[in-house]
Amino acid sequence: MKKNLNHYLDELLALLPETERLLLILRDGYGYSFIQMTKATGLTYKQVRSRYQKAFQKFKKLFEKGQKMDS
């Protein structure tokens, strides 16, 4: 089950643009703070926060859409 879920999440991440995917992985996968993310990406703090929030919302919508299709 976990392997299938991980594969599904990887597929959803692949649908996002590279920067959004990176921000989600850094924050949610590795637990980076927003300050650490600015250092890793070269983006400003404001850009990181804004782009992360947008990426999270996109990912959430993709996940919810997939859940509805499976029902």
N, C-alpha and C. Protein backbone atom coordinates (compact mmCIF):
# COMPACT_ATOMS: atom_id res chain seq x y z
N MET A 1 0.83 -1.20 0.00
CA MET A 1 0.00 0.00 0.00
C MET A 1 0.86 1.26 0.00
N LYS A 2 1.86 1.29 0.90
CA LYS A 2 2.72 2.48 0.99
C LYS A 2 3.47 2.69 -0.32
N LYS A 3 3.93 1.60 -0.93
CA LYS A 3 4.66 1.71 -2.18
C LYS A 3 3.76 2.30 -3.27
N ASN A 4 2.51 1.87 -3.32
CA ASN A 4 1.57 2.41 -4.30
C ASN A 4 1.30 3.89 -4.04
N LEU A 5 1.17 4.27 -2.78
CA LEU A 5 0.93 5.67 -2.44
C LEU A 5 2.13 6.52 -2.83
N ASN A 6 3.33 6.04 -2.51
CA ASN A 6 4.53 6.78 -2.88
C ASN A 6 4.63 6.95 -4.39
N HIS A 7 4.31 5.91 -5.13
CA HIS A 7 4.34 5.99 -6.59
C HIS A 7 3.32 7.01 -7.09
N TYR A 8 2.14 6.98 -6.51
CA TYR A 8 1.08 7.92 -6.89
C TYR A 8 1.51 9.36 -6.59
N LEU A 9 2.08 9.59 -5.43
CA LEU A 9 2.54 10.94 -5.07
C LEU A 9 3.65 11.40 -6.00
N ASP A 10 4.55 10.50 -6.36
CA ASP A 10 5.60 10.84 -7.33
C ASP A 10 5.01 11.24 -8.68
N GLU A 11 3.97 10.53 -9.10
CA GLU A 11 3.32 10.86 -10.36
C GLU A 11 2.68 12.25 -10.30
N LEU A 12 2.06 12.57 -9.18
CA LEU A 12 1.46 13.89 -9.02
C LEU A 12 2.53 14.98 -9.01
N LEU A 13 3.62 14.74 -8.30
CA LEU A 13 4.71 15.71 -8.27
C LEU A 13 5.27 15.97 -9.67
N ALA A 14 5.33 14.93 -10.47
CA ALA A 14 5.88 15.05 -11.83
C ALA A 14 5.02 15.97 -12.71
N LEU A 15 3.78 16.17 -12.33
CA LEU A 15 2.89 17.04 -13.10
C LEU A 15 3.16 18.53 -12.84
N LEU A 16 3.88 18.82 -11.78
CA LEU A 16 4.16 20.21 -11.41
C LEU A 16 5.43 20.70 -12.09
N PRO A 17 5.52 22.02 -12.30
CA PRO A 17 6.78 22.57 -12.82
C PRO A 17 7.93 22.29 -11.85
N GLU A 18 9.13 22.28 -12.37
CA GLU A 18 10.31 21.88 -11.60
C GLU A 18 10.48 22.67 -10.30
N THR A 19 10.34 23.99 -10.35
CA THR A 19 10.55 24.80 -9.15
C THR A 19 9.51 24.47 -8.09
N GLU A 20 8.26 24.31 -8.49
CA GLU A 20 7.21 23.98 -7.53
C GLU A 20 7.45 22.61 -6.92
N ARG A 21 7.86 21.68 -7.74
CA ARG A 21 8.16 20.32 -7.27
C ARG A 21 9.31 20.37 -6.26
N LEU A 22 10.35 21.13 -6.58
CA LEU A 22 11.49 21.25 -5.68
C LEU A 22 11.09 21.85 -4.34
N LEU A 23 10.28 22.89 -4.36
CA LEU A 23 9.87 23.53 -3.11
C LEU A 23 9.06 22.57 -2.24
N LEU A 24 8.18 21.81 -2.84
CA LEU A 24 7.40 20.84 -2.07
C LEU A 24 8.29 19.76 -1.47
N ILE A 25 9.24 19.29 -2.25
CA ILE A 25 10.14 18.24 -1.76
C ILE A 25 11.02 18.77 -0.63
N LEU A 26 11.55 19.97 -0.80
CA LEU A 26 12.41 20.53 0.24
C LEU A 26 11.63 20.73 1.55
N ARG A 27 10.44 21.29 1.44
CA ARG A 27 9.66 21.62 2.64
C ARG A 27 9.04 20.38 3.27
N ASP A 28 8.32 19.62 2.46
CA ASP A 28 7.53 18.51 3.01
C ASP A 28 8.30 17.19 3.05
N GLY A 29 9.27 17.05 2.17
CA GLY A 29 10.05 15.82 2.16
C GLY A 29 11.25 15.86 3.10
N TYR A 30 11.93 17.02 3.11
CA TYR A 30 13.14 17.14 3.91
C TYR A 30 13.00 18.05 5.12
N GLY A 31 11.87 18.71 5.25
CA GLY A 31 11.63 19.54 6.42
C GLY A 31 12.38 20.86 6.45
N TYR A 32 12.78 21.35 5.28
CA TYR A 32 13.50 22.62 5.22
C TYR A 32 12.60 23.76 5.70
N SER A 33 13.21 24.72 6.35
CA SER A 33 12.51 25.96 6.69
C SER A 33 12.47 26.83 5.43
N PHE A 34 11.66 27.86 5.46
CA PHE A 34 11.61 28.75 4.31
C PHE A 34 12.96 29.45 4.11
N ILE A 35 13.64 29.76 5.19
CA ILE A 35 14.97 30.39 5.07
C ILE A 35 15.96 29.42 4.42
N GLN A 36 15.93 28.16 4.82
CA GLN A 36 16.80 27.16 4.19
C GLN A 36 16.47 27.02 2.71
N MET A 37 15.19 27.11 2.40
CA MET A 37 14.76 26.98 1.01
C MET A 37 15.26 28.16 0.17
N THR A 38 15.34 29.35 0.75
CA THR A 38 15.87 30.50 0.00
C THR A 38 17.33 30.26 -0.35
N LYS A 39 18.07 29.70 0.59
CA LYS A 39 19.50 29.43 0.34
C LYS A 39 19.68 28.34 -0.70
N ALA A 40 18.81 27.36 -0.69
CA ALA A 40 18.93 26.24 -1.63
C ALA A 40 18.49 26.61 -3.05
N THR A 41 17.58 27.56 -3.16
CA THR A 41 17.01 27.88 -4.48
C THR A 41 17.48 29.20 -5.06
N GLY A 42 17.96 30.10 -4.21
CA GLY A 42 18.34 31.43 -4.70
C GLY A 42 17.16 32.38 -4.83
N LEU A 43 15.97 31.93 -4.44
CA LEU A 43 14.79 32.78 -4.46
C LEU A 43 14.73 33.61 -3.19
N THR A 44 13.98 34.71 -3.24
CA THR A 44 13.80 35.50 -2.04
C THR A 44 12.83 34.78 -1.10
N TYR A 45 12.82 35.21 0.15
CA TYR A 45 11.92 34.62 1.13
C TYR A 45 10.47 34.74 0.67
N LYS A 46 10.11 35.92 0.20
CA LYS A 46 8.74 36.16 -0.27
C LYS A 46 8.39 35.25 -1.45
N GLN A 47 9.33 35.09 -2.37
CA GLN A 47 9.10 34.22 -3.53
C GLN A 47 8.92 32.77 -3.09
N VAL A 48 9.75 32.33 -2.16
CA VAL A 48 9.66 30.95 -1.67
C VAL A 48 8.31 30.71 -1.03
N ARG A 49 7.90 31.60 -0.14
CA ARG A 49 6.60 31.43 0.55
C ARG A 49 5.45 31.40 -0.45
N SER A 50 5.45 32.35 -1.35
CA SER A 50 4.37 32.46 -2.32
C SER A 50 4.32 31.25 -3.25
N ARG A 51 5.47 30.89 -3.80
CA ARG A 51 5.51 29.77 -4.74
C ARG A 51 5.23 28.44 -4.06
N TYR A 52 5.69 28.30 -2.82
CA TYR A 52 5.40 27.07 -2.08
C TYR A 52 3.89 26.94 -1.85
N GLN A 53 3.27 28.01 -1.41
CA GLN A 53 1.83 27.96 -1.14
C GLN A 53 1.04 27.64 -2.41
N LYS A 54 1.43 28.23 -3.53
CA LYS A 54 0.76 27.93 -4.80
C LYS A 54 0.99 26.47 -5.19
N ALA A 55 2.21 26.01 -5.03
CA ALA A 55 2.54 24.62 -5.36
C ALA A 55 1.75 23.65 -4.49
N PHE A 56 1.65 23.97 -3.21
CA PHE A 56 0.91 23.11 -2.28
C PHE A 56 -0.56 23.03 -2.68
N GLN A 57 -1.14 24.16 -3.05
CA GLN A 57 -2.54 24.18 -3.46
C GLN A 57 -2.75 23.39 -4.75
N LYS A 58 -1.85 23.53 -5.70
CA LYS A 58 -1.94 22.76 -6.95
C LYS A 58 -1.86 21.27 -6.66
N PHE A 59 -0.90 20.90 -5.81
CA PHE A 59 -0.71 19.49 -5.48
C PHE A 59 -1.94 18.94 -4.77
N LYS A 60 -2.48 19.72 -3.86
CA LYS A 60 -3.68 19.31 -3.12
C LYS A 60 -4.85 19.08 -4.07
N LYS A 61 -5.04 19.98 -5.04
CA LYS A 61 -6.13 19.82 -6.01
C LYS A 61 -5.93 18.58 -6.86
N LEU A 62 -4.69 18.34 -7.29
CA LEU A 62 -4.41 17.14 -8.08
C LEU A 62 -4.71 15.88 -7.26
N PHE A 63 -4.31 15.89 -6.01
CA PHE A 63 -4.54 14.74 -5.13
C PHE A 63 -6.03 14.51 -4.93
N GLU A 64 -6.77 15.58 -4.65
CA GLU A 64 -8.21 15.45 -4.42
C GLU A 64 -8.93 15.00 -5.69
N LYS A 65 -8.49 15.49 -6.83
CA LYS A 65 -9.08 15.08 -8.11
C LYS A 65 -8.86 13.58 -8.32
N GLY A 66 -7.68 13.11 -8.00
CA GLY A 66 -7.38 11.68 -8.13
C GLY A 66 -8.19 10.84 -7.17
N GLN A 67 -8.43 11.35 -5.97
CA GLN A 67 -9.23 10.62 -4.99
C GLN A 67 -10.67 10.48 -5.48
N LYS A 68 -11.20 11.52 -6.09
CA LYS A 68 -12.57 11.47 -6.61
C LYS A 68 -12.69 10.47 -7.75
N MET A 69 -11.65 10.41 -8.58
CA MET A 69 -11.67 9.48 -9.71
C MET A 69 -11.61 8.03 -9.24
N ASP A 70 -10.95 7.79 -8.11
CA ASP A 70 -10.84 6.44 -7.58
C ASP A 70 -12.10 5.98 -6.87
N SER A 71 -12.96 6.91 -6.51
CA SER A 71 -14.18 6.55 -5.77
C SER A 71 -15.23 5.93 -6.66
